[in-house]
N, C-alpha and C. Protein backbone atom coordinates (compact mmCIF):
# COMPACT_ATOMS: atom_id res chain seq x y z
N GLN A 1 50.55 19.07 -68.11
CA GLN A 1 50.29 20.21 -66.80
C GLN A 1 49.53 20.99 -67.27
N ALA A 2 48.40 21.58 -66.20
CA ALA A 2 47.79 23.07 -66.77
C ALA A 2 48.61 24.08 -66.19
N THR A 3 48.23 24.88 -67.11
CA THR A 3 48.78 26.01 -66.42
C THR A 3 47.47 27.03 -65.93
N ASN A 4 48.34 28.01 -65.67
CA ASN A 4 47.27 29.30 -64.99
C ASN A 4 46.48 29.58 -66.07
N GLY A 5 46.34 30.26 -66.97
CA GLY A 5 45.59 30.16 -68.43
C GLY A 5 44.66 29.21 -68.66
N ASP A 6 45.02 27.96 -68.20
CA ASP A 6 44.00 26.81 -68.79
C ASP A 6 43.17 27.01 -67.75
N LEU A 7 43.67 26.98 -66.31
CA LEU A 7 42.47 27.37 -64.87
C LEU A 7 41.25 28.18 -65.25
N LYS A 8 42.01 29.59 -65.86
CA LYS A 8 41.42 30.87 -66.01
C LYS A 8 40.28 30.49 -67.20
N TRP A 9 40.57 29.73 -68.30
CA TRP A 9 39.68 29.48 -69.46
C TRP A 9 38.43 28.47 -68.94
N ALA A 10 39.27 27.60 -68.13
CA ALA A 10 38.30 26.46 -67.44
C ALA A 10 37.36 27.08 -66.53
N LEU A 11 37.29 27.88 -66.04
CA LEU A 11 36.26 29.20 -65.27
C LEU A 11 35.26 30.06 -65.84
N GLU A 12 35.71 29.96 -67.35
CA GLU A 12 34.85 30.66 -68.28
C GLU A 12 33.42 30.85 -68.35
N LEU A 13 32.54 30.99 -68.59
CA LEU A 13 30.91 30.27 -68.29
C LEU A 13 30.87 30.70 -69.84
N SER A 14 30.02 30.04 -70.26
CA SER A 14 29.45 30.37 -71.65
C SER A 14 28.10 31.29 -71.85
N LYS A 15 28.14 31.75 -72.84
CA LYS A 15 26.80 32.42 -73.30
C LYS A 15 25.27 31.57 -72.35
N ASP A 16 25.33 30.76 -72.41
CA ASP A 16 24.29 30.35 -71.93
C ASP A 16 24.39 29.96 -70.93
N GLU A 17 25.40 30.28 -70.21
CA GLU A 17 25.38 30.38 -68.21
C GLU A 17 24.97 32.03 -68.17
N TYR A 18 25.67 32.27 -68.86
CA TYR A 18 25.43 33.88 -68.65
C TYR A 18 23.99 34.55 -68.45
N ALA A 19 23.48 33.76 -70.02
CA ALA A 19 22.16 34.24 -69.70
C ALA A 19 21.28 33.48 -68.91
N GLU A 20 21.42 32.18 -68.18
CA GLU A 20 20.92 31.91 -66.82
C GLU A 20 21.33 32.26 -65.78
N ILE A 21 22.18 32.79 -65.99
CA ILE A 21 22.41 33.98 -64.36
C ILE A 21 21.66 34.87 -64.83
N ASP A 22 21.31 35.83 -65.75
CA ASP A 22 20.69 36.61 -66.04
C ASP A 22 19.39 36.98 -66.07
N ARG A 23 18.79 35.63 -66.32
CA ARG A 23 17.17 34.70 -66.37
C ARG A 23 16.67 34.92 -64.44
N TYR A 24 17.98 34.01 -64.05
CA TYR A 24 17.52 33.77 -62.42
C TYR A 24 17.89 34.81 -61.69
N ALA A 25 18.49 36.08 -62.04
CA ALA A 25 18.62 36.95 -60.95
C ALA A 25 17.29 37.69 -61.80
N ARG A 26 16.95 37.83 -62.60
CA ARG A 26 15.70 38.94 -62.98
C ARG A 26 14.58 38.12 -62.27
N GLU A 27 14.15 37.06 -62.26
CA GLU A 27 13.14 36.36 -62.13
C GLU A 27 13.33 36.43 -60.39
N LYS A 28 14.87 36.33 -59.41
CA LYS A 28 14.53 36.37 -57.98
C LYS A 28 14.53 38.19 -57.60
N ASP A 29 14.90 39.26 -58.57
CA ASP A 29 14.78 40.47 -58.58
C ASP A 29 16.16 40.86 -58.24
N ILE A 30 17.38 40.22 -58.47
CA ILE A 30 18.86 40.47 -58.17
C ILE A 30 19.41 41.35 -58.95
N THR A 31 20.20 42.17 -58.99
CA THR A 31 20.85 43.18 -59.81
C THR A 31 22.34 42.41 -59.69
N TRP A 32 22.79 42.55 -61.03
CA TRP A 32 24.10 41.60 -61.16
C TRP A 32 24.80 42.64 -62.48
N PHE A 33 25.93 42.37 -62.15
CA PHE A 33 27.07 42.93 -63.16
C PHE A 33 28.52 41.93 -63.11
N ALA A 34 28.92 42.21 -63.83
CA ALA A 34 30.49 41.56 -64.05
C ALA A 34 31.88 42.83 -64.09
N SER A 35 32.82 41.89 -63.23
CA SER A 35 34.42 42.23 -63.58
C SER A 35 34.66 42.32 -65.19
N CYS A 36 34.85 43.15 -65.98
CA CYS A 36 35.40 42.75 -67.39
C CYS A 36 36.95 43.23 -67.77
N TRP A 37 37.47 41.98 -68.19
CA TRP A 37 39.22 42.46 -67.98
C TRP A 37 39.45 42.70 -69.49
N ASP A 38 38.85 42.63 -70.61
CA ASP A 38 39.05 43.40 -71.56
C ASP A 38 37.81 43.75 -72.56
N GLU A 39 38.28 44.19 -73.37
CA GLU A 39 37.02 45.16 -74.23
C GLU A 39 35.79 44.25 -74.62
N GLU A 40 36.36 42.93 -75.27
CA GLU A 40 35.54 41.90 -76.01
C GLU A 40 34.81 41.33 -74.55
N ALA A 41 35.10 41.46 -73.34
CA ALA A 41 34.12 40.74 -72.28
C ALA A 41 32.99 41.91 -71.78
N VAL A 42 33.59 43.58 -72.45
CA VAL A 42 32.97 44.38 -71.82
C VAL A 42 31.54 44.30 -72.87
N ASP A 43 31.89 44.09 -74.30
CA ASP A 43 31.21 44.05 -74.85
C ASP A 43 30.10 43.08 -75.38
N PHE A 44 30.46 41.77 -74.81
CA PHE A 44 29.51 40.69 -74.64
C PHE A 44 28.75 41.13 -73.15
N ILE A 45 29.33 41.32 -72.11
CA ILE A 45 28.18 41.58 -71.19
C ILE A 45 27.49 42.55 -71.15
N ASP A 46 27.55 43.33 -72.33
CA ASP A 46 26.95 44.76 -73.14
C ASP A 46 25.81 44.10 -72.88
N GLN A 47 25.34 42.79 -73.50
CA GLN A 47 23.93 42.37 -74.33
C GLN A 47 23.15 42.38 -72.82
N PHE A 48 23.78 41.79 -71.69
CA PHE A 48 22.54 41.86 -70.82
C PHE A 48 22.48 42.99 -69.85
N ASN A 49 22.62 43.97 -70.16
CA ASN A 49 22.46 45.54 -70.18
C ASN A 49 22.50 45.64 -68.72
N PRO A 50 24.39 45.49 -68.17
CA PRO A 50 24.06 45.38 -66.91
C PRO A 50 24.14 46.93 -65.88
N PRO A 51 23.10 47.15 -64.96
CA PRO A 51 23.38 48.41 -64.42
C PRO A 51 24.51 49.23 -64.15
N VAL A 52 26.14 48.29 -64.27
CA VAL A 52 27.09 49.02 -63.52
C VAL A 52 28.14 48.20 -64.08
N TYR A 53 29.44 48.86 -64.44
CA TYR A 53 30.55 48.23 -64.83
C TYR A 53 31.53 48.08 -63.52
N LYS A 54 31.86 46.69 -63.11
CA LYS A 54 32.97 46.72 -62.20
C LYS A 54 34.53 46.48 -62.95
N ILE A 55 35.67 47.11 -62.77
CA ILE A 55 37.15 46.78 -63.23
C ILE A 55 37.81 46.65 -62.25
N ALA A 56 38.58 45.26 -62.62
CA ALA A 56 39.24 44.93 -61.25
C ALA A 56 40.27 45.50 -61.42
N SER A 57 41.22 45.49 -60.04
CA SER A 57 42.10 46.55 -60.15
C SER A 57 43.39 46.02 -60.94
N ALA A 58 43.54 44.92 -61.01
CA ALA A 58 44.37 44.29 -62.20
C ALA A 58 44.46 44.97 -63.63
N SER A 59 43.26 45.73 -64.00
CA SER A 59 42.82 46.30 -64.93
C SER A 59 42.94 48.40 -64.97
N LEU A 60 43.30 48.14 -64.18
CA LEU A 60 43.02 50.06 -63.30
C LEU A 60 44.00 50.89 -64.42
N THR A 61 45.29 50.51 -64.93
CA THR A 61 45.82 50.86 -66.02
C THR A 61 45.84 50.81 -67.30
N ASP A 62 44.70 50.01 -67.50
CA ASP A 62 44.78 49.55 -69.09
C ASP A 62 43.95 50.43 -69.52
N LYS A 63 44.07 51.57 -70.46
CA LYS A 63 43.46 53.14 -70.55
C LYS A 63 42.69 52.82 -72.22
N ASN A 64 42.61 51.64 -72.09
CA ASN A 64 41.71 51.39 -73.20
C ASN A 64 40.55 50.32 -72.99
N LEU A 65 40.96 49.68 -72.08
CA LEU A 65 39.56 49.21 -71.43
C LEU A 65 38.75 50.33 -70.72
N LEU A 66 39.59 50.74 -69.65
CA LEU A 66 38.73 51.63 -69.14
C LEU A 66 37.60 53.03 -70.01
N LYS A 67 38.23 53.41 -71.56
CA LYS A 67 37.27 54.23 -72.38
C LYS A 67 36.81 53.47 -72.79
N HIS A 68 36.99 52.28 -73.34
CA HIS A 68 36.14 50.90 -73.61
C HIS A 68 34.89 51.00 -72.87
N THR A 69 34.72 50.76 -71.67
CA THR A 69 33.82 50.54 -70.63
C THR A 69 33.20 52.33 -70.32
N ARG A 70 33.87 53.27 -70.55
CA ARG A 70 33.13 54.29 -69.91
C ARG A 70 32.04 54.64 -71.50
N SER A 71 32.70 54.09 -72.62
CA SER A 71 31.77 54.32 -73.40
C SER A 71 30.76 53.53 -73.75
N LYS A 72 30.23 52.88 -72.52
CA LYS A 72 28.97 52.07 -72.59
C LYS A 72 27.96 53.59 -71.86
N GLY A 73 28.34 53.92 -71.14
CA GLY A 73 27.40 55.20 -70.38
C GLY A 73 26.76 54.45 -69.22
N LYS A 74 27.72 53.80 -68.42
CA LYS A 74 26.99 53.28 -67.44
C LYS A 74 28.01 53.68 -66.13
N PRO A 75 27.52 53.36 -65.02
CA PRO A 75 28.45 53.78 -64.20
C PRO A 75 29.52 52.53 -63.29
N ILE A 76 30.72 53.07 -63.48
CA ILE A 76 31.59 52.77 -63.24
C ILE A 76 32.31 52.05 -61.70
N ILE A 77 32.82 50.79 -61.12
CA ILE A 77 32.99 50.47 -59.59
C ILE A 77 34.57 50.26 -59.87
N LEU A 78 35.62 50.96 -59.67
CA LEU A 78 37.41 50.95 -59.72
C LEU A 78 37.95 50.21 -58.70
N SER A 79 38.22 49.14 -58.54
CA SER A 79 39.24 48.51 -57.49
C SER A 79 40.72 49.37 -57.50
N THR A 80 40.82 49.47 -56.75
CA THR A 80 42.27 50.15 -56.67
C THR A 80 43.59 49.63 -56.16
N GLY A 81 43.28 48.36 -55.69
CA GLY A 81 43.92 47.14 -55.27
C GLY A 81 45.55 47.43 -56.25
N MET A 82 46.67 47.02 -55.76
CA MET A 82 47.81 47.22 -56.43
C MET A 82 48.09 48.31 -57.44
N SER A 83 47.63 49.26 -56.75
CA SER A 83 48.28 50.81 -57.29
C SER A 83 48.65 51.28 -56.57
N ASP A 84 49.21 52.30 -56.60
CA ASP A 84 49.51 53.78 -55.95
C ASP A 84 48.42 55.06 -56.54
N MET A 85 49.00 55.79 -55.75
CA MET A 85 48.14 57.17 -55.65
C MET A 85 47.90 57.63 -57.23
N ASP A 86 49.20 57.53 -57.83
CA ASP A 86 49.57 58.28 -59.40
C ASP A 86 48.72 57.62 -60.35
N MET A 87 48.63 55.93 -60.21
CA MET A 87 48.11 55.24 -60.84
C MET A 87 46.47 55.47 -60.67
N VAL A 88 45.93 55.94 -59.28
CA VAL A 88 44.45 56.06 -59.36
C VAL A 88 44.08 57.17 -59.84
N LYS A 89 44.98 58.61 -59.96
CA LYS A 89 44.64 59.30 -60.69
C LYS A 89 44.54 59.76 -61.97
N GLU A 90 45.53 58.85 -62.59
CA GLU A 90 45.36 58.71 -63.83
C GLU A 90 44.51 57.56 -64.14
N ALA A 91 43.92 56.61 -63.68
CA ALA A 91 42.40 56.23 -64.25
C ALA A 91 41.34 56.96 -63.91
N VAL A 92 41.39 57.79 -62.93
CA VAL A 92 40.26 58.67 -62.91
C VAL A 92 40.25 59.88 -64.17
N SER A 93 41.60 60.33 -64.22
CA SER A 93 41.79 61.50 -65.12
C SER A 93 41.13 61.08 -66.76
N THR A 94 41.32 59.41 -66.85
CA THR A 94 40.79 58.70 -68.09
C THR A 94 39.21 58.25 -68.07
N LEU A 95 38.70 58.16 -66.47
CA LEU A 95 37.52 57.34 -66.12
C LEU A 95 36.40 59.34 -66.54
N GLY A 96 36.90 60.10 -65.73
CA GLY A 96 36.55 61.13 -65.05
C GLY A 96 35.41 60.74 -63.80
N SER A 97 35.45 61.57 -63.49
CA SER A 97 34.97 61.37 -61.83
C SER A 97 32.92 60.78 -61.99
N ASP A 98 32.77 61.55 -62.84
CA ASP A 98 31.47 61.26 -62.77
C ASP A 98 30.91 59.72 -62.98
N ASP A 99 29.67 59.43 -62.38
CA ASP A 99 29.55 58.02 -62.11
C ASP A 99 30.67 56.92 -62.18
N LEU A 100 31.32 57.30 -60.81
CA LEU A 100 32.33 56.03 -60.58
C LEU A 100 32.16 56.44 -59.72
N ILE A 101 33.17 55.11 -58.79
CA ILE A 101 33.09 54.65 -57.33
C ILE A 101 34.31 53.86 -57.52
N LEU A 102 34.94 54.15 -56.38
CA LEU A 102 36.79 53.52 -56.19
C LEU A 102 36.37 53.04 -55.02
N MET A 103 37.05 51.72 -55.10
CA MET A 103 36.68 50.85 -53.94
C MET A 103 38.52 50.55 -53.44
N HIS A 104 38.27 50.68 -52.27
CA HIS A 104 39.88 50.34 -51.55
C HIS A 104 39.84 48.73 -51.50
N THR A 105 40.74 48.30 -51.73
CA THR A 105 41.25 47.02 -51.75
C THR A 105 42.26 46.34 -51.47
N VAL A 106 42.86 45.39 -50.78
CA VAL A 106 44.12 44.89 -51.44
C VAL A 106 44.36 43.46 -51.69
N SER A 107 44.94 43.40 -52.99
CA SER A 107 44.92 42.62 -53.76
C SER A 107 45.59 41.17 -53.24
N THR A 108 45.27 40.67 -52.27
CA THR A 108 45.77 39.23 -51.29
C THR A 108 44.86 38.57 -50.82
N TYR A 109 44.71 37.48 -51.69
CA TYR A 109 43.80 36.31 -51.19
C TYR A 109 44.36 35.08 -50.76
N PRO A 110 43.69 34.79 -49.36
CA PRO A 110 43.50 35.59 -48.62
C PRO A 110 44.12 37.37 -47.95
N ALA A 111 43.54 38.32 -47.45
CA ALA A 111 44.60 39.10 -47.10
C ALA A 111 44.75 39.32 -45.58
N ALA A 112 45.83 39.46 -45.07
CA ALA A 112 45.56 39.30 -43.43
C ALA A 112 45.22 40.62 -43.17
N LEU A 113 45.06 40.47 -42.03
CA LEU A 113 44.45 41.82 -41.36
C LEU A 113 45.56 43.31 -41.50
N HIS A 114 46.74 42.24 -41.12
CA HIS A 114 47.46 43.90 -40.74
C HIS A 114 47.83 44.27 -42.15
N GLU A 115 47.69 43.45 -43.50
CA GLU A 115 48.01 44.36 -44.88
C GLU A 115 46.36 45.57 -44.94
N LEU A 116 45.14 45.41 -44.50
CA LEU A 116 43.73 45.79 -44.98
C LEU A 116 44.39 47.58 -45.00
N ASN A 117 44.99 47.91 -44.02
CA ASN A 117 45.16 49.92 -44.04
C ASN A 117 44.07 50.35 -44.85
N LEU A 118 42.90 50.11 -43.88
CA LEU A 118 41.43 50.54 -43.91
C LEU A 118 41.80 52.41 -43.77
N ARG A 119 42.39 52.90 -43.74
CA ARG A 119 42.47 54.08 -43.33
C ARG A 119 42.29 54.67 -44.42
N ASN A 120 42.98 53.93 -45.37
CA ASN A 120 43.05 54.49 -46.91
C ASN A 120 41.50 54.79 -47.67
N ILE A 121 40.44 54.23 -47.42
CA ILE A 121 39.61 55.01 -47.44
C ILE A 121 39.23 56.30 -47.20
N HIS A 122 39.64 56.74 -45.91
CA HIS A 122 40.12 58.26 -46.04
C HIS A 122 40.88 58.75 -46.83
N THR A 123 41.52 58.02 -46.81
CA THR A 123 42.81 58.69 -48.03
C THR A 123 42.20 59.15 -49.28
N LEU A 124 41.85 57.97 -49.59
CA LEU A 124 41.12 58.21 -51.01
C LEU A 124 39.67 59.35 -51.02
N ARG A 125 39.05 59.24 -50.16
CA ARG A 125 38.04 60.42 -49.93
C ARG A 125 38.33 61.43 -50.13
N GLU A 126 39.51 61.75 -49.42
CA GLU A 126 40.35 63.40 -49.22
C GLU A 126 40.97 64.02 -50.42
N GLU A 127 41.21 62.49 -50.96
CA GLU A 127 41.72 62.92 -52.87
C GLU A 127 40.98 63.16 -53.71
N PHE A 128 39.71 62.43 -53.78
CA PHE A 128 39.09 62.66 -54.74
C PHE A 128 37.64 62.91 -53.99
N GLU A 129 37.29 63.64 -53.56
CA GLU A 129 36.17 64.24 -52.68
C GLU A 129 35.08 64.15 -53.29
N SER A 130 34.95 64.54 -54.44
CA SER A 130 33.63 64.38 -55.45
C SER A 130 33.37 62.50 -55.71
N ILE A 131 34.59 61.86 -55.30
CA ILE A 131 33.96 60.34 -55.72
C ILE A 131 33.93 59.48 -54.46
N PRO A 132 32.11 58.65 -54.47
CA PRO A 132 32.35 57.77 -53.80
C PRO A 132 33.49 56.71 -53.32
N VAL A 133 33.45 56.49 -52.25
CA VAL A 133 34.37 54.71 -51.91
C VAL A 133 34.10 54.04 -51.41
N GLY A 134 34.38 53.32 -51.82
CA GLY A 134 34.07 51.94 -50.96
C GLY A 134 34.91 50.58 -50.64
N TYR A 135 34.76 49.60 -50.34
CA TYR A 135 35.82 48.58 -49.99
C TYR A 135 35.48 47.33 -50.52
N SER A 136 36.25 46.62 -50.94
CA SER A 136 36.23 45.50 -51.17
C SER A 136 37.29 44.78 -50.83
N GLY A 137 36.90 43.63 -49.89
CA GLY A 137 37.37 42.77 -49.02
C GLY A 137 38.13 41.20 -49.26
N HIS A 138 38.82 41.20 -49.40
CA HIS A 138 39.11 39.57 -49.26
C HIS A 138 39.53 39.05 -48.22
N GLU A 139 39.76 39.60 -47.56
CA GLU A 139 40.00 39.11 -45.90
C GLU A 139 39.01 38.18 -45.30
N VAL A 140 39.47 36.98 -44.60
CA VAL A 140 38.27 36.37 -43.61
C VAL A 140 37.92 36.84 -42.54
N GLY A 141 36.59 36.58 -42.64
CA GLY A 141 35.63 37.47 -41.31
C GLY A 141 35.12 38.45 -42.22
N MET A 142 34.12 39.14 -41.24
CA MET A 142 33.93 40.08 -41.82
C MET A 142 33.90 41.51 -40.64
N GLY A 143 34.62 41.49 -39.52
CA GLY A 143 35.08 42.63 -39.25
C GLY A 143 35.45 43.96 -40.06
N PRO A 144 36.55 43.55 -40.75
CA PRO A 144 37.05 44.64 -41.43
C PRO A 144 36.14 45.18 -42.32
N ALA A 145 34.85 44.28 -43.10
CA ALA A 145 34.13 45.01 -44.00
C ALA A 145 33.32 45.55 -42.75
N VAL A 146 32.74 45.68 -42.09
CA VAL A 146 31.91 46.59 -40.92
C VAL A 146 32.85 47.70 -40.53
N ALA A 147 33.90 47.96 -39.80
CA ALA A 147 35.27 49.22 -40.10
C ALA A 147 34.92 49.29 -41.00
N ALA A 148 35.04 48.96 -42.14
CA ALA A 148 34.70 50.22 -43.41
C ALA A 148 33.53 50.68 -43.52
N ALA A 149 32.60 49.98 -43.30
CA ALA A 149 31.45 50.98 -43.82
C ALA A 149 30.77 51.89 -42.82
N ILE A 150 32.01 51.61 -41.00
CA ILE A 150 31.65 52.24 -40.18
C ILE A 150 32.49 53.49 -40.62
N MET A 151 33.65 53.14 -41.37
CA MET A 151 34.48 54.56 -41.88
C MET A 151 34.00 55.74 -43.38
N GLY A 152 32.79 55.09 -43.62
CA GLY A 152 31.91 55.47 -44.33
C GLY A 152 32.42 54.96 -46.25
N ALA A 153 32.93 53.78 -46.05
CA ALA A 153 32.52 52.81 -47.32
C ALA A 153 31.54 52.90 -48.00
N CYS A 154 30.85 53.42 -49.41
CA CYS A 154 29.85 53.61 -50.10
C CYS A 154 29.15 52.18 -50.46
N VAL A 155 30.04 51.30 -50.36
CA VAL A 155 30.04 49.92 -51.14
C VAL A 155 30.66 48.76 -50.27
N ILE A 156 30.12 47.65 -50.32
CA ILE A 156 31.05 46.70 -49.62
C ILE A 156 31.10 45.60 -50.35
N GLU A 157 32.44 45.13 -50.70
CA GLU A 157 31.81 43.59 -52.05
C GLU A 157 32.72 42.78 -51.41
N ARG A 158 32.17 41.46 -51.56
CA ARG A 158 32.86 40.08 -50.57
C ARG A 158 32.82 39.47 -51.37
N HIS A 159 34.25 38.34 -51.60
CA HIS A 159 34.04 37.30 -52.18
C HIS A 159 33.51 36.14 -51.46
N ILE A 160 32.70 35.37 -52.02
CA ILE A 160 31.90 34.41 -51.13
C ILE A 160 31.74 33.20 -51.74
N THR A 161 31.72 32.36 -51.16
CA THR A 161 32.25 30.49 -51.51
C THR A 161 30.98 29.83 -50.84
N LEU A 162 30.27 29.21 -51.69
CA LEU A 162 29.54 27.48 -51.23
C LEU A 162 30.49 26.86 -50.19
N ASP A 163 31.65 26.89 -50.68
CA ASP A 163 32.69 25.89 -49.76
C ASP A 163 33.85 26.02 -50.31
N ARG A 164 35.03 26.63 -49.77
CA ARG A 164 36.28 26.53 -49.65
C ARG A 164 37.18 25.76 -50.64
N SER A 165 36.40 24.24 -50.42
CA SER A 165 37.12 23.46 -51.16
C SER A 165 36.84 22.91 -52.77
N MET A 166 35.65 23.88 -52.87
CA MET A 166 35.49 23.71 -54.19
C MET A 166 36.59 24.36 -55.11
N TRP A 167 36.51 23.12 -56.66
CA TRP A 167 37.17 23.64 -57.49
C TRP A 167 37.39 25.25 -58.14
N GLY A 168 38.81 25.66 -58.22
CA GLY A 168 38.82 27.39 -59.19
C GLY A 168 39.79 28.46 -58.13
N SER A 169 39.76 29.31 -58.87
CA SER A 169 41.20 29.75 -58.09
C SER A 169 40.68 30.82 -57.02
N ASP A 170 39.06 30.88 -56.84
CA ASP A 170 39.21 31.70 -55.51
C ASP A 170 38.73 31.69 -54.40
N GLN A 171 37.60 29.92 -55.06
CA GLN A 171 37.29 29.24 -53.33
C GLN A 171 37.93 29.45 -52.73
N ALA A 172 39.29 28.96 -51.82
CA ALA A 172 40.13 29.11 -50.60
C ALA A 172 40.21 30.34 -50.47
N ALA A 173 40.11 31.11 -51.00
CA ALA A 173 40.09 32.92 -50.20
C ALA A 173 38.89 33.41 -49.93
């Protein structure tokens, strides 16, 4: 029986596959980057010279990962789902506020509308006045993302798929 770890490893892309993503994105003038979940992944992705690094909310408390990612000298987008304000403050303290964007998110896949708490965009903007705040939506539909933009979110992140029945952990969400 396959474990969740087996599923995650099966979803990993090879160096050649990342090189193809990089080639295609450059050909089409698409900016791309990745969420790196460990220091080795940061070093791997760094060879593609991403313009920014994304840190997933599950990694927000990994100080070594935060410091290692910051050492690359690139802007950072930090998701804040699964965290409380003290955790976010500690992450910001570790990263510094320069070249940082905070992303309000709810780490439910898919998130129910009553869980979204879009007012937290304002809370984050008030708490971290010098740091831009965006929104990472995991809900079905575009209404909340539009609302987040109206509320001042500077970046909108969406998970997309070609087909919800495709194999993989995020497709159905």
